[in-house]
Amino acid sequence: FDEMYGGRRIRGFSGPGGRPVALVDGRPLHLMRCADGG
């Protein structure tokens, strides 16, 4: 994904091992997978 949200540019893509990578204004945001799949 790549969009403007709340006045910020957010981007996401699949990283190493298929784990999600998210960036907020170019800074990495750690995402964790939950037991419920979220």
PDB file of all heavy atoms in Angstrom:
ATOM      1  N   PHE A   1       0.858  -1.182   0.000  1.00  0.00           N
ATOM      2  CA  PHE A   1       0.000   0.000   0.000  1.00  0.00           C
ATOM      3  C   PHE A   1       0.886   1.221   0.000  1.00  0.00           C
ATOM      4  O   PHE A   1       2.035   1.170   0.435  1.00  0.00           O
ATOM      5  CB  PHE A   1      -0.983   0.014   1.186  1.00  0.00           C
ATOM      6  CG  PHE A   1      -0.347  -0.068   2.541  1.00  0.00           C
ATOM      7  CD1 PHE A   1       0.051   1.079   3.214  1.00  0.00           C
ATOM      8  CD2 PHE A   1      -0.153  -1.286   3.161  1.00  0.00           C
ATOM      9  CE1 PHE A   1       0.626   1.009   4.477  1.00  0.00           C
ATOM     10  CE2 PHE A   1       0.428  -1.368   4.424  1.00  0.00           C
ATOM     11  CZ  PHE A   1       0.818  -0.223   5.081  1.00  0.00           C
ATOM     12  N   ASP A   2       0.384   2.308  -0.525  1.00  0.00           N
ATOM     13  CA  ASP A   2       1.113   3.573  -0.583  1.00  0.00           C
ATOM     14  C   ASP A   2       0.067   4.668  -0.691  1.00  0.00           C
ATOM     15  O   ASP A   2      -0.578   4.803  -1.728  1.00  0.00           O
ATOM     16  CB  ASP A   2       2.059   3.600  -1.788  1.00  0.00           C
ATOM     17  CG  ASP A   2       2.954   4.830  -1.808  1.00  0.00           C
ATOM     18  OD1 ASP A   2       2.805   5.700  -0.927  1.00  0.00           O
ATOM     19  OD2 ASP A   2       3.799   4.909  -2.713  1.00  0.00           O
ATOM     20  N   GLU A   3      -0.140   5.403   0.397  1.00  0.00           N
ATOM     21  CA  GLU A   3      -1.184   6.416   0.395  1.00  0.00           C
ATOM     22  C   GLU A   3      -0.891   7.508   1.407  1.00  0.00           C
ATOM     23  O   GLU A   3      -0.027   7.362   2.263  1.00  0.00           O
ATOM     24  CB  GLU A   3      -2.550   5.776   0.693  1.00  0.00           C
ATOM     25  CG  GLU A   3      -2.674   5.227   2.106  1.00  0.00           C
ATOM     26  CD  GLU A   3      -4.011   4.572   2.372  1.00  0.00           C
ATOM     27  OE1 GLU A   3      -4.541   3.917   1.475  1.00  0.00           O
ATOM     28  OE2 GLU A   3      -4.528   4.734   3.485  1.00  0.00           O
ATOM     29  N   MET A   4      -1.625   8.598   1.277  1.00  0.00           N
ATOM     30  CA  MET A   4      -1.610   9.657   2.275  1.00  0.00           C
ATOM     31  C   MET A   4      -2.768   9.381   3.229  1.00  0.00           C
ATOM     32  O   MET A   4      -3.899   9.150   2.792  1.00  0.00           O
ATOM     33  CB  MET A   4      -1.785  11.022   1.632  1.00  0.00           C
ATOM     34  CG  MET A   4      -0.594  11.476   0.813  1.00  0.00           C
ATOM     35  SD  MET A   4       0.934  11.640   1.746  1.00  0.00           S
ATOM     36  CE  MET A   4       0.579  13.034   2.794  1.00  0.00           C
ATOM     37  N   TYR A   5      -2.484   9.367   4.527  1.00  0.00           N
ATOM     38  CA  TYR A   5      -3.518   9.130   5.527  1.00  0.00           C
ATOM     39  C   TYR A   5      -3.231  10.027   6.721  1.00  0.00           C
ATOM     40  O   TYR A   5      -2.120  10.014   7.262  1.00  0.00           O
ATOM     41  CB  TYR A   5      -3.534   7.657   5.966  1.00  0.00           C
ATOM     42  CG  TYR A   5      -4.571   7.369   7.015  1.00  0.00           C
ATOM     43  CD1 TYR A   5      -5.907   7.221   6.661  1.00  0.00           C
ATOM     44  CD2 TYR A   5      -4.232   7.288   8.358  1.00  0.00           C
ATOM     45  CE1 TYR A   5      -6.871   6.966   7.622  1.00  0.00           C
ATOM     46  CE2 TYR A   5      -5.185   7.048   9.323  1.00  0.00           C
ATOM     47  CZ  TYR A   5      -6.500   6.891   8.950  1.00  0.00           C
ATOM     48  OH  TYR A   5      -7.459   6.662   9.909  1.00  0.00           O
ATOM     49  N   GLY A   6      -4.184  10.807   7.124  1.00  0.00           N
ATOM     50  CA  GLY A   6      -4.019  11.697   8.271  1.00  0.00           C
ATOM     51  C   GLY A   6      -2.884  12.688   8.096  1.00  0.00           C
ATOM     52  O   GLY A   6      -2.220  13.043   9.065  1.00  0.00           O
ATOM     53  N   GLY A   7      -2.632  13.099   6.854  1.00  0.00           N
ATOM     54  CA  GLY A   7      -1.567  14.041   6.583  1.00  0.00           C
ATOM     55  C   GLY A   7      -0.179  13.412   6.536  1.00  0.00           C
ATOM     56  O   GLY A   7       0.821  14.117   6.506  1.00  0.00           O
ATOM     57  N   ARG A   8      -0.108  12.093   6.542  1.00  0.00           N
ATOM     58  CA  ARG A   8       1.175  11.385   6.515  1.00  0.00           C
ATOM     59  C   ARG A   8       1.196  10.401   5.358  1.00  0.00           C
ATOM     60  O   ARG A   8       0.168   9.861   4.977  1.00  0.00           O
ATOM     61  CB  ARG A   8       1.399  10.619   7.806  1.00  0.00           C
ATOM     62  CG  ARG A   8       1.392  11.524   9.014  1.00  0.00           C
ATOM     63  CD  ARG A   8       1.597  10.689  10.243  1.00  0.00           C
ATOM     64  NE  ARG A   8       1.496  11.516  11.427  1.00  0.00           N
ATOM     65  CZ  ARG A   8       2.545  11.907  12.131  1.00  0.00           C
ATOM     66  NH1 ARG A   8       3.752  11.581  11.755  1.00  0.00           N
ATOM     67  NH2 ARG A   8       2.372  12.629  13.202  1.00  0.00           N
ATOM     68  N   ARG A   9       2.394  10.168   4.847  1.00  0.00           N
ATOM     69  CA  ARG A   9       2.538   9.169   3.785  1.00  0.00           C
ATOM     70  C   ARG A   9       2.825   7.828   4.447  1.00  0.00           C
ATOM     71  O   ARG A   9       3.804   7.686   5.181  1.00  0.00           O
ATOM     72  CB  ARG A   9       3.673   9.530   2.848  1.00  0.00           C
ATOM     73  CG  ARG A   9       3.785   8.509   1.726  1.00  0.00           C
ATOM     74  CD  ARG A   9       4.749   8.920   0.680  1.00  0.00           C
ATOM     75  NE  ARG A   9       4.724   7.943  -0.395  1.00  0.00           N
ATOM     76  CZ  ARG A   9       5.727   7.748  -1.200  1.00  0.00           C
ATOM     77  NH1 ARG A   9       6.826   8.467  -1.093  1.00  0.00           N
ATOM     78  NH2 ARG A   9       5.640   6.835  -2.147  1.00  0.00           N
ATOM     79  N   ILE A  10       1.944   6.870   4.196  1.00  0.00           N
ATOM     80  CA  ILE A  10       2.152   5.529   4.729  1.00  0.00           C
ATOM     81  C   ILE A  10       2.384   4.576   3.570  1.00  0.00           C
ATOM     82  O   ILE A  10       1.723   4.655   2.535  1.00  0.00           O
ATOM     83  CB  ILE A  10       0.978   5.075   5.627  1.00  0.00           C
ATOM     84  CG1 ILE A  10      -0.343   5.069   4.874  1.00  0.00           C
ATOM     85  CG2 ILE A  10       0.893   5.944   6.870  1.00  0.00           C
ATOM     86  CD1 ILE A  10      -1.496   4.488   5.668  1.00  0.00           C
ATOM     87  N   ARG A  11       3.362   3.702   3.739  1.00  0.00           N
ATOM     88  CA  ARG A  11       3.705   2.718   2.719  1.00  0.00           C
ATOM     89  C   ARG A  11       3.860   1.368   3.388  1.00  0.00           C
ATOM     90  O   ARG A  11       4.278   1.278   4.545  1.00  0.00           O
ATOM     91  CB  ARG A  11       5.021   3.084   2.031  1.00  0.00           C
ATOM     92  CG  ARG A  11       4.949   4.378   1.264  1.00  0.00           C
ATOM     93  CD  ARG A  11       6.260   4.731   0.617  1.00  0.00           C
ATOM     94  NE  ARG A  11       6.674   3.646  -0.263  1.00  0.00           N
ATOM     95  CZ  ARG A  11       7.937   3.340  -0.525  1.00  0.00           C
ATOM     96  NH1 ARG A  11       8.906   4.021   0.023  1.00  0.00           N
ATOM     97  NH2 ARG A  11       8.225   2.351  -1.327  1.00  0.00           N
ATOM     98  N   GLY A  12       3.554   0.325   2.641  1.00  0.00           N
ATOM     99  CA  GLY A  12       3.731  -1.019   3.158  1.00  0.00           C
ATOM    100  C   GLY A  12       4.060  -1.980   2.032  1.00  0.00           C
ATOM    101  O   GLY A  12       3.694  -1.753   0.881  1.00  0.00           O
ATOM    102  N   PHE A  13       4.753  -3.050   2.381  1.00  0.00           N
ATOM    103  CA  PHE A  13       5.114  -4.076   1.409  1.00  0.00           C
ATOM    104  C   PHE A  13       5.568  -5.317   2.158  1.00  0.00           C
ATOM    105  O   PHE A  13       5.735  -5.298   3.379  1.00  0.00           O
ATOM    106  CB  PHE A  13       6.219  -3.574   0.463  1.00  0.00           C
ATOM    107  CG  PHE A  13       7.394  -2.943   1.160  1.00  0.00           C
ATOM    108  CD1 PHE A  13       8.490  -3.700   1.536  1.00  0.00           C
ATOM    109  CD2 PHE A  13       7.386  -1.589   1.452  1.00  0.00           C
ATOM    110  CE1 PHE A  13       9.563  -3.120   2.191  1.00  0.00           C
ATOM    111  CE2 PHE A  13       8.462  -0.999   2.105  1.00  0.00           C
ATOM    112  CZ  PHE A  13       9.555  -1.775   2.478  1.00  0.00           C
ATOM    113  N   SER A  14       5.776  -6.399   1.436  1.00  0.00           N
ATOM    114  CA  SER A  14       6.273  -7.631   2.030  1.00  0.00           C
ATOM    115  C   SER A  14       7.778  -7.536   2.202  1.00  0.00           C
ATOM    116  O   SER A  14       8.497  -7.206   1.265  1.00  0.00           O
ATOM    117  CB  SER A  14       5.944  -8.829   1.147  1.00  0.00           C
ATOM    118  OG  SER A  14       4.562  -9.041   1.105  1.00  0.00           O
ATOM    119  N   GLY A  15       8.236  -7.826   3.396  1.00  0.00           N
ATOM    120  CA  GLY A  15       9.661  -7.784   3.681  1.00  0.00           C
ATOM    121  C   GLY A  15      10.261  -9.177   3.669  1.00  0.00           C
ATOM    122  O   GLY A  15       9.686 -10.115   3.100  1.00  0.00           O
ATOM    123  N   PRO A  16      11.391  -9.355   4.326  1.00  0.00           N
ATOM    124  CA  PRO A  16      12.042 -10.666   4.385  1.00  0.00           C
ATOM    125  C   PRO A  16      11.129 -11.715   5.007  1.00  0.00           C
ATOM    126  O   PRO A  16      10.471 -11.459   6.010  1.00  0.00           O
ATOM    127  CB  PRO A  16      13.265 -10.419   5.280  1.00  0.00           C
ATOM    128  CG  PRO A  16      13.484  -8.947   5.252  1.00  0.00           C
ATOM    129  CD  PRO A  16      12.147  -8.331   5.020  1.00  0.00           C
ATOM    130  N   GLY A  17      11.075 -12.848   4.387  1.00  0.00           N
ATOM    131  CA  GLY A  17      10.234 -13.935   4.891  1.00  0.00           C
ATOM    132  C   GLY A  17       8.749 -13.676   4.738  1.00  0.00           C
ATOM    133  O   GLY A  17       7.943 -14.359   5.350  1.00  0.00           O
ATOM    134  N   GLY A  18       8.369 -12.669   3.955  1.00  0.00           N
ATOM    135  CA  GLY A  18       6.959 -12.363   3.757  1.00  0.00           C
ATOM    136  C   GLY A  18       6.340 -11.557   4.876  1.00  0.00           C
ATOM    137  O   GLY A  18       5.134 -11.331   4.882  1.00  0.00           O
ATOM    138  N   ARG A  19       7.153 -11.133   5.851  1.00  0.00           N
ATOM    139  CA  ARG A  19       6.618 -10.325   6.948  1.00  0.00           C
ATOM    140  C   ARG A  19       6.303  -8.919   6.439  1.00  0.00           C
ATOM    141  O   ARG A  19       7.035  -8.381   5.613  1.00  0.00           O
ATOM    142  CB  ARG A  19       7.628 -10.248   8.087  1.00  0.00           C
ATOM    143  CG  ARG A  19       7.741 -11.549   8.864  1.00  0.00           C
ATOM    144  CD  ARG A  19       8.642 -11.387  10.075  1.00  0.00           C
ATOM    145  NE  ARG A  19      10.018 -11.096   9.728  1.00  0.00           N
ATOM    146  CZ  ARG A  19      10.944 -12.021   9.511  1.00  0.00           C
ATOM    147  NH1 ARG A  19      10.628 -13.288   9.609  1.00  0.00           N
ATOM    148  NH2 ARG A  19      12.174 -11.679   9.195  1.00  0.00           N
ATOM    149  N   PRO A  20       5.238  -8.305   6.967  1.00  0.00           N
ATOM    150  CA  PRO A  20       4.884  -6.964   6.501  1.00  0.00           C
ATOM    151  C   PRO A  20       5.870  -5.907   6.998  1.00  0.00           C
ATOM    152  O   PRO A  20       6.359  -5.976   8.123  1.00  0.00           O
ATOM    153  CB  PRO A  20       3.496  -6.733   7.090  1.00  0.00           C
ATOM    154  CG  PRO A  20       3.449  -7.603   8.294  1.00  0.00           C
ATOM    155  CD  PRO A  20       4.291  -8.805   7.970  1.00  0.00           C
ATOM    156  N   VAL A  21       6.163  -4.955   6.132  1.00  0.00           N
ATOM    157  CA  VAL A  21       6.989  -3.812   6.476  1.00  0.00           C
ATOM    158  C   VAL A  21       6.115  -2.576   6.277  1.00  0.00           C
ATOM    159  O   VAL A  21       5.465  -2.446   5.245  1.00  0.00           O
ATOM    160  CB  VAL A  21       8.239  -3.727   5.566  1.00  0.00           C
ATOM    161  CG1 VAL A  21       9.014  -2.453   5.833  1.00  0.00           C
ATOM    162  CG2 VAL A  21       9.109  -4.955   5.752  1.00  0.00           C
ATOM    163  N   ALA A  22       6.082  -1.694   7.266  1.00  0.00           N
ATOM    164  CA  ALA A  22       5.284  -0.471   7.167  1.00  0.00           C
ATOM    165  C   ALA A  22       6.177   0.729   7.455  1.00  0.00           C
ATOM    166  O   ALA A  22       7.053   0.678   8.319  1.00  0.00           O
ATOM    167  CB  ALA A  22       4.121  -0.508   8.149  1.00  0.00           C
ATOM    168  N   LEU A  23       5.960   1.802   6.709  1.00  0.00           N
ATOM    169  CA  LEU A  23       6.698   3.048   6.896  1.00  0.00           C
ATOM    170  C   LEU A  23       5.700   4.181   7.079  1.00  0.00           C
ATOM    171  O   LEU A  23       4.711   4.265   6.348  1.00  0.00           O
ATOM    172  CB  LEU A  23       7.575   3.345   5.677  1.00  0.00           C
ATOM    173  CG  LEU A  23       8.610   2.292   5.301  1.00  0.00           C
ATOM    174  CD1 LEU A  23       9.249   2.632   3.963  1.00  0.00           C
ATOM    175  CD2 LEU A  23       9.665   2.173   6.375  1.00  0.00           C
ATOM    176  N   VAL A  24       5.964   5.045   8.051  1.00  0.00           N
ATOM    177  CA  VAL A  24       5.167   6.243   8.279  1.00  0.00           C
ATOM    178  C   VAL A  24       6.098   7.419   8.057  1.00  0.00           C
ATOM    179  O   VAL A  24       7.075   7.588   8.802  1.00  0.00           O
ATOM    180  CB  VAL A  24       4.573   6.277   9.701  1.00  0.00           C
ATOM    181  CG1 VAL A  24       3.807   7.570   9.929  1.00  0.00           C
ATOM    182  CG2 VAL A  24       3.690   5.063   9.944  1.00  0.00           C
ATOM    183  N   ASP A  25       5.845   8.202   7.028  1.00  0.00           N
ATOM    184  CA  ASP A  25       6.720   9.315   6.649  1.00  0.00           C
ATOM    185  C   ASP A  25       8.170   8.844   6.500  1.00  0.00           C
ATOM    186  O   ASP A  25       9.108   9.519   6.915  1.00  0.00           O
ATOM    187  CB  ASP A  25       6.634  10.455   7.660  1.00  0.00           C
ATOM    188  CG  ASP A  25       5.280  11.151   7.640  1.00  0.00           C
ATOM    189  OD1 ASP A  25       4.622  11.119   6.587  1.00  0.00           O
ATOM    190  OD2 ASP A  25       4.891  11.718   8.681  1.00  0.00           O
ATOM    191  N   GLY A  26       8.352   7.649   5.966  1.00  0.00           N
ATOM    192  CA  GLY A  26       9.687   7.109   5.728  1.00  0.00           C
ATOM    193  C   GLY A  26      10.324   6.427   6.917  1.00  0.00           C
ATOM    194  O   GLY A  26      11.390   5.848   6.798  1.00  0.00           O
ATOM    195  N   ARG A  27       9.700   6.485   8.082  1.00  0.00           N
ATOM    196  CA  ARG A  27      10.245   5.830   9.274  1.00  0.00           C
ATOM    197  C   ARG A  27       9.566   4.489   9.482  1.00  0.00           C
ATOM    198  O   ARG A  27       8.346   4.369   9.360  1.00  0.00           O
ATOM    199  CB  ARG A  27      10.046   6.709  10.505  1.00  0.00           C
ATOM    200  CG  ARG A  27      10.891   7.957  10.449  1.00  0.00           C
ATOM    201  CD  ARG A  27      10.807   8.715  11.723  1.00  0.00           C
ATOM    202  NE  ARG A  27      11.748   9.825  11.690  1.00  0.00           N
ATOM    203  CZ  ARG A  27      12.060  10.540  12.737  1.00  0.00           C
ATOM    204  NH1 ARG A  27      11.506  10.279  13.903  1.00  0.00           N
ATOM    205  NH2 ARG A  27      12.919  11.532  12.635  1.00  0.00           N
ATOM    206  N   PRO A  28      10.331   3.449   9.830  1.00  0.00           N
ATOM    207  CA  PRO A  28       9.747   2.111   9.977  1.00  0.00           C
ATOM    208  C   PRO A  28       8.826   2.015  11.189  1.00  0.00           C
ATOM    209  O   PRO A  28       9.105   2.562  12.250  1.00  0.00           O
ATOM    210  CB  PRO A  28      10.958   1.198  10.134  1.00  0.00           C
ATOM    211  CG  PRO A  28      12.071   2.083  10.558  1.00  0.00           C
ATOM    212  CD  PRO A  28      11.775   3.453  10.037  1.00  0.00           C
ATOM    213  N   LEU A  29       7.734   1.302  10.994  1.00  0.00           N
ATOM    214  CA  LEU A  29       6.778   1.012  12.059  1.00  0.00           C
ATOM    215  C   LEU A  29       6.741  -0.500  12.210  1.00  0.00           C
ATOM    216  O   LEU A  29       6.419  -1.217  11.264  1.00  0.00           O
ATOM    217  CB  LEU A  29       5.385   1.541  11.696  1.00  0.00           C
ATOM    218  CG  LEU A  29       4.253   1.137  12.631  1.00  0.00           C
ATOM    219  CD1 LEU A  29       4.417   1.823  13.983  1.00  0.00           C
ATOM    220  CD2 LEU A  29       2.907   1.488  12.015  1.00  0.00           C
ATOM    221  N   HIS A  30       7.105  -0.986  13.383  1.00  0.00           N
ATOM    222  CA  HIS A  30       7.118  -2.430  13.622  1.00  0.00           C
ATOM    223  C   HIS A  30       5.679  -2.948  13.702  1.00  0.00           C
ATOM    224  O   HIS A  30       4.871  -2.414  14.442  1.00  0.00           O
ATOM    225  CB  HIS A  30       7.869  -2.740  14.913  1.00  0.00           C
ATOM    226  CG  HIS A  30       7.884  -4.182  15.259  1.00  0.00           C
ATOM    227  ND1 HIS A  30       8.488  -5.137  14.475  1.00  0.00           N
ATOM    228  CD2 HIS A  30       7.358  -4.838  16.310  1.00  0.00           C
ATOM    229  CE1 HIS A  30       8.337  -6.321  15.023  1.00  0.00           C
ATOM    230  NE2 HIS A  30       7.659  -6.156  16.142  1.00  0.00           N
ATOM    231  N   LEU A  31       5.378  -3.976  12.933  1.00  0.00           N
ATOM    232  CA  LEU A  31       4.073  -4.623  12.982  1.00  0.00           C
ATOM    233  C   LEU A  31       4.245  -6.039  13.514  1.00  0.00           C
ATOM    234  O   LEU A  31       5.170  -6.752  13.119  1.00  0.00           O
ATOM    235  CB  LEU A  31       3.436  -4.674  11.592  1.00  0.00           C
ATOM    236  CG  LEU A  31       3.081  -3.324  10.975  1.00  0.00           C
ATOM    237  CD1 LEU A  31       2.516  -3.523   9.578  1.00  0.00           C
ATOM    238  CD2 LEU A  31       2.091  -2.577  11.840  1.00  0.00           C
ATOM    239  N   MET A  32       3.371  -6.423  14.406  1.00  0.00           N
ATOM    240  CA  MET A  32       3.419  -7.757  15.001  1.00  0.00           C
ATOM    241  C   MET A  32       2.163  -8.527  14.630  1.00  0.00           C
ATOM    242  O   MET A  32       1.070  -7.964  14.618  1.00  0.00           O
ATOM    243  CB  MET A  32       3.533  -7.648  16.520  1.00  0.00           C
ATOM    244  CG  MET A  32       4.799  -6.963  16.973  1.00  0.00           C
ATOM    245  SD  MET A  32       4.741  -6.465  18.708  1.00  0.00           S
ATOM    246  CE  MET A  32       3.785  -4.956  18.588  1.00  0.00           C
ATOM    247  N   ARG A  33       2.317  -9.791  14.350  1.00  0.00           N
ATOM    248  CA  ARG A  33       1.179 -10.654  14.014  1.00  0.00           C
ATOM    249  C   ARG A  33       0.550 -11.147  15.312  1.00  0.00           C
ATOM    250  O   ARG A  33       1.248 -11.552  16.235  1.00  0.00           O
ATOM    251  CB  ARG A  33       1.677 -11.838  13.171  1.00  0.00           C
ATOM    252  CG  ARG A  33       0.587 -12.695  12.581  1.00  0.00           C
ATOM    253  CD  ARG A  33      -0.079 -11.944  11.459  1.00  0.00           C
ATOM    254  NE  ARG A  33      -1.240 -12.644  10.977  1.00  0.00           N
ATOM    255  CZ  ARG A  33      -1.410 -12.997   9.724  1.00  0.00           C
ATOM    256  NH1 ARG A  33      -0.513 -12.705   8.824  1.00  0.00           N
ATOM    257  NH2 ARG A  33      -2.495 -13.624   9.362  1.00  0.00           N
ATOM    258  N   CYS A  34      -0.758 -11.125  15.386  1.00  0.00           N
ATOM    259  CA  CYS A  34      -1.489 -11.579  16.570  1.00  0.00           C
ATOM    260  C   CYS A  34      -1.957 -13.017  16.371  1.00  0.00           C
ATOM    261  O   CYS A  34      -2.000 -13.527  15.254  1.00  0.00           O
ATOM    262  CB  CYS A  34      -2.717 -10.701  16.810  1.00  0.00           C
ATOM    263  SG  CYS A  34      -2.327  -8.995  17.132  1.00  0.00           S
ATOM    264  N   ALA A  35      -2.333 -13.656  17.464  1.00  0.00           N
ATOM    265  CA  ALA A  35      -2.829 -15.029  17.393  1.00  0.00           C
ATOM    266  C   ALA A  35      -4.116 -15.125  16.588  1.00  0.00           C
ATOM    267  O   ALA A  35      -4.393 -16.151  15.973  1.00  0.00           O
ATOM    268  CB  ALA A  35      -3.055 -15.570  18.808  1.00  0.00           C
ATOM    269  N   ASP A  36      -4.896 -14.032  16.543  1.00  0.00           N
ATOM    270  CA  ASP A  36      -6.157 -14.048  15.793  1.00  0.00           C
ATOM    271  C   ASP A  36      -5.951 -13.791  14.302  1.00  0.00           C
ATOM    272  O   ASP A  36      -6.901 -13.718  13.537  1.00  0.00           O
ATOM    273  CB  ASP A  36      -7.154 -13.050  16.367  1.00  0.00           C
ATOM    274  CG  ASP A  36      -6.711 -11.599  16.209  1.00  0.00           C
ATOM    275  OD1 ASP A  36      -5.611 -11.355  15.670  1.00  0.00           O
ATOM    276  OD2 ASP A  36      -7.476 -10.708  16.620  1.00  0.00           O
ATOM    277  N   GLY A  37      -4.686 -13.621  13.863  1.00  0.00           N
ATOM    278  CA  GLY A  37      -4.400 -13.375  12.453  1.00  0.00           C
ATOM    279  C   GLY A  37      -4.289 -11.914  12.102  1.00  0.00           C
ATOM    280  O   GLY A  37      -3.930 -11.575  10.987  1.00  0.00           O
ATOM    281  N   GLY A  38      -4.589 -11.032  13.058  1.00  0.00           N
ATOM    282  CA  GLY A  38      -4.515  -9.600  12.811  1.00  0.00           C
ATOM    283  C   GLY A  38      -3.124  -9.063  13.092  1.00  0.00           C
ATOM    284  O   GLY A  38      -2.168  -9.822  13.307  1.00  0.00           O
TER     285      GLY A  38
END
